Amino acid sequence: MNGKKVLNVKIDGMHCGSCVNRISSMLKPLGATSVDIDVANKIGHIWFEDEDILADVFIDAINDAGYEATKRSVVDATMME
């Protein structure tokens, strides 16, 4: 991977803004540079730059927190602009 990437993920089990805050705050220390989560549509976008980070690290962390995350895609961030 080169440059900034975006992991697009479906997240089941979220109910409110506290869920969003919980997920966002646990992903930042793992290397997420930005996190955008839509509770109503159960969609999350996680931006990261470090080419040593695998998207599965974020998926596993979300699942370990009690939510159900499913990877949709990992794309170059320029495709999301």
PDB file of N, CA and C in Angstrom:
ATOM      1  N   MET A   1       0.846  -1.181   0.000  1.00  0.00           N
ATOM      2  CA  MET A   1       0.000   0.000   0.000  1.00  0.00           C
ATOM      3  C   MET A   1       0.886   1.235   0.000  1.00  0.00           C
ATOM      4  N   ASN A   2       0.524   2.198  -0.761  1.00  0.00           N
ATOM      5  CA  ASN A   2       1.221   3.476  -0.759  1.00  0.00           C
ATOM      6  C   ASN A   2       0.230   4.591  -0.554  1.00  0.00           C
ATOM      7  N   GLY A   3       0.554   5.583   0.286  1.00  0.00           N
ATOM      8  CA  GLY A   3      -0.316   6.722   0.502  1.00  0.00           C
ATOM      9  C   GLY A   3      -1.477   6.418   1.422  1.00  0.00           C
ATOM     10  N   LYS A   4      -2.336   7.393   1.523  1.00  0.00           N
ATOM     11  CA  LYS A   4      -3.486   7.293   2.422  1.00  0.00           C
ATOM     12  C   LYS A   4      -4.547   6.370   1.840  1.00  0.00           C
ATOM     13  N   LYS A   5      -5.081   5.507   2.711  1.00  0.00           N
ATOM     14  CA  LYS A   5      -6.105   4.534   2.313  1.00  0.00           C
ATOM     15  C   LYS A   5      -7.354   4.742   3.152  1.00  0.00           C
ATOM     16  N   VAL A   6      -8.471   4.240   2.643  1.00  0.00           N
ATOM     17  CA  VAL A   6      -9.731   4.280   3.378  1.00  0.00           C
ATOM     18  C   VAL A   6     -10.304   2.872   3.419  1.00  0.00           C
ATOM     19  N   LEU A   7     -10.588   2.422   4.637  1.00  0.00           N
ATOM     20  CA  LEU A   7     -11.278   1.155   4.833  1.00  0.00           C
ATOM     21  C   LEU A   7     -12.765   1.472   4.949  1.00  0.00           C
ATOM     22  N   ASN A   8     -13.560   0.874   4.085  1.00  0.00           N
ATOM     23  CA  ASN A   8     -15.009   1.010   4.131  1.00  0.00           C
ATOM     24  C   ASN A   8     -15.548  -0.260   4.764  1.00  0.00           C
ATOM     25  N   VAL A   9     -16.335  -0.087   5.827  1.00  0.00           N
ATOM     26  CA  VAL A   9     -16.753  -1.235   6.624  1.00  0.00           C
ATOM     27  C   VAL A   9     -18.218  -1.107   7.024  1.00  0.00           C
ATOM     28  N   LYS A  10     -18.903  -2.231   7.077  1.00  0.00           N
ATOM     29  CA  LYS A  10     -20.258  -2.288   7.617  1.00  0.00           C
ATOM     30  C   LYS A  10     -20.112  -2.650   9.086  1.00  0.00           C
ATOM     31  N   ILE A  11     -20.831  -1.925   9.959  1.00  0.00           N
ATOM     32  CA  ILE A  11     -20.739  -2.181  11.402  1.00  0.00           C
ATOM     33  C   ILE A  11     -22.143  -2.378  11.963  1.00  0.00           C
ATOM     34  N   ASP A  12     -22.417  -3.577  12.415  1.00  0.00           N
ATOM     35  CA  ASP A  12     -23.693  -3.865  13.066  1.00  0.00           C
ATOM     36  C   ASP A  12     -23.517  -3.791  14.577  1.00  0.00           C
ATOM     37  N   GLY A  13     -24.599  -3.474  15.277  1.00  0.00           N
ATOM     38  CA  GLY A  13     -24.577  -3.453  16.734  1.00  0.00           C
ATOM     39  C   GLY A  13     -24.430  -2.070  17.334  1.00  0.00           C
ATOM     40  N   MET A  14     -24.308  -1.037  16.496  1.00  0.00           N
ATOM     41  CA  MET A  14     -24.220   0.336  17.004  1.00  0.00           C
ATOM     42  C   MET A  14     -25.631   0.867  17.225  1.00  0.00           C
ATOM     43  N   HIS A  15     -25.789   1.692  18.284  1.00  0.00           N
ATOM     44  CA  HIS A  15     -27.114   2.223  18.582  1.00  0.00           C
ATOM     45  C   HIS A  15     -27.147   3.740  18.758  1.00  0.00           C
ATOM     46  N   CYS A  16     -25.981   4.350  19.016  1.00  0.00           N
ATOM     47  CA  CYS A  16     -26.006   5.779  19.348  1.00  0.00           C
ATOM     48  C   CYS A  16     -24.622   6.408  19.158  1.00  0.00           C
ATOM     49  N   GLY A  17     -24.556   7.678  19.502  1.00  0.00           N
ATOM     50  CA  GLY A  17     -23.302   8.409  19.404  1.00  0.00           C
ATOM     51  C   GLY A  17     -22.214   7.869  20.311  1.00  0.00           C
ATOM     52  N   SER A  18     -22.601   7.275  21.432  1.00  0.00           N
ATOM     53  CA  SER A  18     -21.600   6.678  22.321  1.00  0.00           C
ATOM     54  C   SER A  18     -20.882   5.525  21.638  1.00  0.00           C
ATOM     55  N   CYS A  19     -21.614   4.766  20.837  1.00  0.00           N
ATOM     56  CA  CYS A  19     -20.991   3.674  20.080  1.00  0.00           C
ATOM     57  C   CYS A  19     -19.967   4.237  19.097  1.00  0.00           C
ATOM     58  N   VAL A  20     -20.345   5.305  18.416  1.00  0.00           N
ATOM     59  CA  VAL A  20     -19.438   5.954  17.463  1.00  0.00           C
ATOM     60  C   VAL A  20     -18.189   6.441  18.178  1.00  0.00           C
ATOM     61  N   ASN A  21     -18.369   7.120  19.307  1.00  0.00           N
ATOM     62  CA  ASN A  21     -17.219   7.624  20.064  1.00  0.00           C
ATOM     63  C   ASN A  21     -16.326   6.498  20.551  1.00  0.00           C
ATOM     64  N   ARG A  22     -16.928   5.417  21.010  1.00  0.00           N
ATOM     65  CA  ARG A  22     -16.156   4.276  21.508  1.00  0.00           C
ATOM     66  C   ARG A  22     -15.297   3.680  20.383  1.00  0.00           C
ATOM     67  N   ILE A  23     -15.917   3.470  19.226  1.00  0.00           N
ATOM     68  CA  ILE A  23     -15.188   2.887  18.094  1.00  0.00           C
ATOM     69  C   ILE A  23     -14.085   3.833  17.635  1.00  0.00           C
ATOM     70  N   SER A  24     -14.424   5.102  17.453  1.00  0.00           N
ATOM     71  CA  SER A  24     -13.436   6.084  16.987  1.00  0.00           C
ATOM     72  C   SER A  24     -12.245   6.177  17.927  1.00  0.00           C
ATOM     73  N   SER A  25     -12.521   6.235  19.238  1.00  0.00           N
ATOM     74  CA  SER A  25     -11.424   6.415  20.192  1.00  0.00           C
ATOM     75  C   SER A  25     -10.521   5.194  20.285  1.00  0.00           C
ATOM     76  N   MET A  26     -11.032   4.018  19.986  1.00  0.00           N
ATOM     77  CA  MET A  26     -10.163   2.836  20.059  1.00  0.00           C
ATOM     78  C   MET A  26      -9.384   2.620  18.755  1.00  0.00           C
ATOM     79  N   LEU A  27      -9.848   3.196  17.641  1.00  0.00           N
ATOM     80  CA  LEU A  27      -9.145   3.006  16.371  1.00  0.00           C
ATOM     81  C   LEU A  27      -7.982   3.985  16.193  1.00  0.00           C
ATOM     82  N   LYS A  28      -8.080   5.156  16.783  1.00  0.00           N
ATOM     83  CA  LYS A  28      -7.011   6.162  16.630  1.00  0.00           C
ATOM     84  C   LYS A  28      -5.654   5.652  17.119  1.00  0.00           C
ATOM     85  N   PRO A  29      -5.569   5.019  18.294  1.00  0.00           N
ATOM     86  CA  PRO A  29      -4.266   4.512  18.739  1.00  0.00           C
ATOM     87  C   PRO A  29      -3.719   3.385  17.858  1.00  0.00           C
ATOM     88  N   LEU A  30      -4.587   2.774  17.065  1.00  0.00           N
ATOM     89  CA  LEU A  30      -4.152   1.701  16.170  1.00  0.00           C
ATOM     90  C   LEU A  30      -3.629   2.225  14.842  1.00  0.00           C
ATOM     91  N   GLY A  31      -3.724   3.553  14.636  1.00  0.00           N
ATOM     92  CA  GLY A  31      -3.190   4.142  13.412  1.00  0.00           C
ATOM     93  C   GLY A  31      -4.209   4.803  12.509  1.00  0.00           C
ATOM     94  N   ALA A  32      -5.470   4.849  12.920  1.00  0.00           N
ATOM     95  CA  ALA A  32      -6.479   5.546  12.118  1.00  0.00           C
ATOM     96  C   ALA A  32      -6.217   7.045  12.205  1.00  0.00           C
ATOM     97  N   THR A  33      -6.155   7.719  11.062  1.00  0.00           N
ATOM     98  CA  THR A  33      -5.951   9.164  11.068  1.00  0.00           C
ATOM     99  C   THR A  33      -7.276   9.903  11.131  1.00  0.00           C
ATOM    100  N   SER A  34      -8.350   9.244  10.688  1.00  0.00           N
ATOM    101  CA  SER A  34      -9.681   9.832  10.732  1.00  0.00           C
ATOM    102  C   SER A  34     -10.704   8.700  10.698  1.00  0.00           C
ATOM    103  N   VAL A  35     -11.831   8.914  11.371  1.00  0.00           N
ATOM    104  CA  VAL A  35     -12.888   7.909  11.409  1.00  0.00           C
ATOM    105  C   VAL A  35     -14.217   8.630  11.209  1.00  0.00           C
ATOM    106  N   ASP A  36     -15.027   8.141  10.274  1.00  0.00           N
ATOM    107  CA  ASP A  36     -16.351   8.698  10.009  1.00  0.00           C
ATOM    108  C   ASP A  36     -17.343   7.541  10.043  1.00  0.00           C
ATOM    109  N   ILE A  37     -18.284   7.597  10.984  1.00  0.00           N
ATOM    110  CA  ILE A  37     -19.233   6.501  11.150  1.00  0.00           C
ATOM    111  C   ILE A  37     -20.655   7.028  11.069  1.00  0.00           C
ATOM    112  N   ASP A  38     -21.471   6.361  10.279  1.00  0.00           N
ATOM    113  CA  ASP A  38     -22.887   6.681  10.125  1.00  0.00           C
ATOM    114  C   ASP A  38     -23.681   5.566  10.808  1.00  0.00           C
ATOM    115  N   VAL A  39     -24.220   5.856  12.003  1.00  0.00           N
ATOM    116  CA  VAL A  39     -24.944   4.848  12.783  1.00  0.00           C
ATOM    117  C   VAL A  39     -26.177   4.371  12.033  1.00  0.00           C
ATOM    118  N   ALA A  40     -26.936   5.290  11.449  1.00  0.00           N
ATOM    119  CA  ALA A  40     -28.192   4.940  10.788  1.00  0.00           C
ATOM    120  C   ALA A  40     -27.987   3.972   9.628  1.00  0.00           C
ATOM    121  N   ASN A  41     -26.926   4.164   8.872  1.00  0.00           N
ATOM    122  CA  ASN A  41     -26.657   3.299   7.712  1.00  0.00           C
ATOM    123  C   ASN A  41     -25.676   2.181   8.003  1.00  0.00           C
ATOM    124  N   LYS A  42     -25.158   2.142   9.250  1.00  0.00           N
ATOM    125  CA  LYS A  42     -24.237   1.095   9.687  1.00  0.00           C
ATOM    126  C   LYS A  42     -22.960   1.035   8.831  1.00  0.00           C
ATOM    127  N   ILE A  43     -22.461   2.209   8.477  1.00  0.00           N
ATOM    128  CA  ILE A  43     -21.286   2.296   7.616  1.00  0.00           C
ATOM    129  C   ILE A  43     -20.191   3.089   8.315  1.00  0.00           C
ATOM    130  N   GLY A  44     -18.965   2.616   8.175  1.00  0.00           N
ATOM    131  CA  GLY A  44     -17.825   3.342   8.705  1.00  0.00           C
ATOM    132  C   GLY A  44     -16.753   3.507   7.642  1.00  0.00           C
ATOM    133  N   HIS A  45     -16.073   4.640   7.693  1.00  0.00           N
ATOM    134  CA  HIS A  45     -14.933   4.913   6.819  1.00  0.00           C
ATOM    135  C   HIS A  45     -13.759   5.224   7.737  1.00  0.00           C
ATOM    136  N   ILE A  46     -12.690   4.476   7.580  1.00  0.00           N
ATOM    137  CA  ILE A  46     -11.521   4.617   8.444  1.00  0.00           C
ATOM    138  C   ILE A  46     -10.319   4.941   7.566  1.00  0.00           C
ATOM    139  N   TRP A  47      -9.747   6.136   7.762  1.00  0.00           N
ATOM    140  CA  TRP A  47      -8.588   6.563   6.990  1.00  0.00           C
ATOM    141  C   TRP A  47      -7.320   6.176   7.743  1.00  0.00           C
ATOM    142  N   PHE A  48      -6.323   5.725   6.986  1.00  0.00           N
ATOM    143  CA  PHE A  48      -5.028   5.403   7.582  1.00  0.00           C
ATOM    144  C   PHE A  48      -3.944   5.551   6.539  1.00  0.00           C
ATOM    145  N   GLU A  49      -2.705   5.816   7.001  1.00  0.00           N
ATOM    146  CA  GLU A  49      -1.590   6.070   6.094  1.00  0.00           C
ATOM    147  C   GLU A  49      -0.476   5.044   6.178  1.00  0.00           C
ATOM    148  N   ASP A  50      -0.260   4.504   7.327  1.00  0.00           N
ATOM    149  CA  ASP A  50       0.879   3.628   7.566  1.00  0.00           C
ATOM    150  C   ASP A  50       0.751   2.363   6.723  1.00  0.00           C
ATOM    151  N   GLU A  51       1.670   2.164   5.813  1.00  0.00           N
ATOM    152  CA  GLU A  51       1.562   0.999   4.928  1.00  0.00           C
ATOM    153  C   GLU A  51       1.783  -0.326   5.646  1.00  0.00           C
ATOM    154  N   ASP A  52       2.247  -0.263   6.893  1.00  0.00           N
ATOM    155  CA  ASP A  52       2.413  -1.486   7.668  1.00  0.00           C
ATOM    156  C   ASP A  52       1.115  -1.923   8.355  1.00  0.00           C
ATOM    157  N   ILE A  53       0.113  -1.032   8.376  1.00  0.00           N
ATOM    158  CA  ILE A  53      -1.166  -1.359   9.007  1.00  0.00           C
ATOM    159  C   ILE A  53      -2.033  -2.133   8.020  1.00  0.00           C
ATOM    160  N   LEU A  54      -2.575  -3.230   8.475  1.00  0.00           N
ATOM    161  CA  LEU A  54      -3.515  -3.988   7.666  1.00  0.00           C
ATOM    162  C   LEU A  54      -4.923  -3.636   8.097  1.00  0.00           C
ATOM    163  N   ALA A  55      -5.839  -3.521   7.156  1.00  0.00           N
ATOM    164  CA  ALA A  55      -7.224  -3.166   7.460  1.00  0.00           C
ATOM    165  C   ALA A  55      -7.835  -4.135   8.471  1.00  0.00           C
ATOM    166  N   ASP A  56      -7.395  -5.372   8.458  1.00  0.00           N
ATOM    167  CA  ASP A  56      -7.953  -6.373   9.374  1.00  0.00           C
ATOM    168  C   ASP A  56      -7.711  -6.028  10.845  1.00  0.00           C
ATOM    169  N   VAL A  57      -6.681  -5.223  11.129  1.00  0.00           N
ATOM    170  CA  VAL A  57      -6.421  -4.788  12.504  1.00  0.00           C
ATOM    171  C   VAL A  57      -7.613  -3.976  13.010  1.00  0.00           C
ATOM    172  N   PHE A  58      -8.149  -3.099  12.168  1.00  0.00           N
ATOM    173  CA  PHE A  58      -9.302  -2.280  12.541  1.00  0.00           C
ATOM    174  C   PHE A  58     -10.559  -3.143  12.673  1.00  0.00           C
ATOM    175  N   ILE A  59     -10.753  -4.061  11.741  1.00  0.00           N
ATOM    176  CA  ILE A  59     -11.916  -4.963  11.773  1.00  0.00           C
ATOM    177  C   ILE A  59     -11.893  -5.779  13.068  1.00  0.00           C
ATOM    178  N   ASP A  60     -10.748  -6.357  13.388  1.00  0.00           N
ATOM    179  CA  ASP A  60     -10.626  -7.171  14.599  1.00  0.00           C
ATOM    180  C   ASP A  60     -10.911  -6.343  15.857  1.00  0.00           C
ATOM    181  N   ALA A  61     -10.429  -5.112  15.897  1.00  0.00           N
ATOM    182  CA  ALA A  61     -10.644  -4.253  17.067  1.00  0.00           C
ATOM    183  C   ALA A  61     -12.131  -3.933  17.253  1.00  0.00           C
ATOM    184  N   ILE A  62     -12.818  -3.657  16.165  1.00  0.00           N
ATOM    185  CA  ILE A  62     -14.254  -3.360  16.238  1.00  0.00           C
ATOM    186  C   ILE A  62     -15.006  -4.600  16.721  1.00  0.00           C
ATOM    187  N   ASN A  63     -14.663  -5.746  16.176  1.00  0.00           N
ATOM    188  CA  ASN A  63     -15.308  -6.995  16.603  1.00  0.00           C
ATOM    189  C   ASN A  63     -15.010  -7.309  18.066  1.00  0.00           C
ATOM    190  N   ASP A  64     -13.779  -7.091  18.495  1.00  0.00           N
ATOM    191  CA  ASP A  64     -13.398  -7.349  19.890  1.00  0.00           C
ATOM    192  C   ASP A  64     -14.151  -6.436  20.865  1.00  0.00           C
ATOM    193  N   ALA A  65     -14.592  -5.276  20.373  1.00  0.00           N
ATOM    194  CA  ALA A  65     -15.331  -4.337  21.223  1.00  0.00           C
ATOM    195  C   ALA A  65     -16.813  -4.701  21.325  1.00  0.00           C
ATOM    196  N   GLY A  66     -17.229  -5.761  20.633  1.00  0.00           N
ATOM    197  CA  GLY A  66     -18.608  -6.212  20.752  1.00  0.00           C
ATOM    198  C   GLY A  66     -19.511  -5.847  19.595  1.00  0.00           C
ATOM    199  N   TYR A  67     -18.950  -5.255  18.553  1.00  0.00           N
ATOM    200  CA  TYR A  67     -19.725  -4.926  17.365  1.00  0.00           C
ATOM    201  C   TYR A  67     -19.421  -5.966  16.294  1.00  0.00           C
ATOM    202  N   GLU A  68     -20.157  -5.937  15.203  1.00  0.00           N
ATOM    203  CA  GLU A  68     -19.909  -6.888  14.121  1.00  0.00           C
ATOM    204  C   GLU A  68     -19.506  -6.117  12.871  1.00  0.00           C
ATOM    205  N   ALA A  69     -18.207  -6.152  12.571  1.00  0.00           N
ATOM    206  CA  ALA A  69     -17.665  -5.405  11.444  1.00  0.00           C
ATOM    207  C   ALA A  69     -17.385  -6.333  10.272  1.00  0.00           C
ATOM    208  N   THR A  70     -17.750  -5.856   9.094  1.00  0.00           N
ATOM    209  CA  THR A  70     -17.504  -6.596   7.857  1.00  0.00           C
ATOM    210  C   THR A  70     -16.821  -5.662   6.868  1.00  0.00           C
ATOM    211  N   LYS A  71     -15.644  -6.064   6.394  1.00  0.00           N
ATOM    212  CA  LYS A  71     -14.904  -5.239   5.440  1.00  0.00           C
ATOM    213  C   LYS A  71     -15.632  -5.204   4.106  1.00  0.00           C
ATOM    214  N   ARG A  72     -15.839  -4.001   3.579  1.00  0.00           N
ATOM    215  CA  ARG A  72     -16.433  -3.818   2.253  1.00  0.00           C
ATOM    216  C   ARG A  72     -15.337  -3.595   1.207  1.00  0.00           C
ATOM    217  N   SER A  73     -14.403  -2.683   1.519  1.00  0.00           N
ATOM    218  CA  SER A  73     -13.324  -2.404   0.577  1.00  0.00           C
ATOM    219  C   SER A  73     -12.242  -1.577   1.250  1.00  0.00           C
ATOM    220  N   VAL A  74     -11.075  -1.569   0.642  1.00  0.00           N
ATOM    221  CA  VAL A  74     -10.001  -0.665   1.011  1.00  0.00           C
ATOM    222  C   VAL A  74      -9.605   0.027  -0.284  1.00  0.00           C
ATOM    223  N   VAL A  75      -9.724   1.356  -0.290  1.00  0.00           N
ATOM    224  CA  VAL A  75      -9.461   2.126  -1.507  1.00  0.00           C
ATOM    225  C   VAL A  75      -8.468   3.237  -1.229  1.00  0.00           C
ATOM    226  N   ASP A  76      -7.888   3.746  -2.295  1.00  0.00           N
ATOM    227  CA  ASP A  76      -7.025   4.917  -2.192  1.00  0.00           C
ATOM    228  C   ASP A  76      -7.897   6.087  -1.744  1.00  0.00           C
ATOM    229  N   ALA A  77      -7.410   6.892  -0.817  1.00  0.00           N
ATOM    230  CA  ALA A  77      -8.204   7.986  -0.253  1.00  0.00           C
ATOM    231  C   ALA A  77      -8.641   8.986  -1.309  1.00  0.00           C
ATOM    232  N   THR A  78      -7.902   9.136  -2.385  1.00  0.00           N
ATOM    233  CA  THR A  78      -8.290  10.087  -3.423  1.00  0.00           C
ATOM    234  C   THR A  78      -9.605   9.691  -4.084  1.00  0.00           C
ATOM    235  N   MET A  79      -9.974   8.428  -4.006  1.00  0.00           N
ATOM    236  CA  MET A  79     -11.247   7.980  -4.571  1.00  0.00           C
ATOM    237  C   MET A  79     -12.430   8.422  -3.713  1.00  0.00           C
ATOM    238  N   MET A  80     -12.170   8.806  -2.456  1.00  0.00           N
ATOM    239  CA  MET A  80     -13.225   9.210  -1.532  1.00  0.00           C
ATOM    240  C   MET A  80     -13.403  10.734  -1.507  1.00  0.00           C
ATOM    241  N   GLU A  81     -12.538  11.466  -2.185  1.00  0.00           N
ATOM    242  CA  GLU A  81     -12.611  12.938  -2.147  1.00  0.00           C
ATOM    243  C   GLU A  81     -13.628  13.462  -3.121  1.00  0.00           C
TER     244      GLU A  81
END
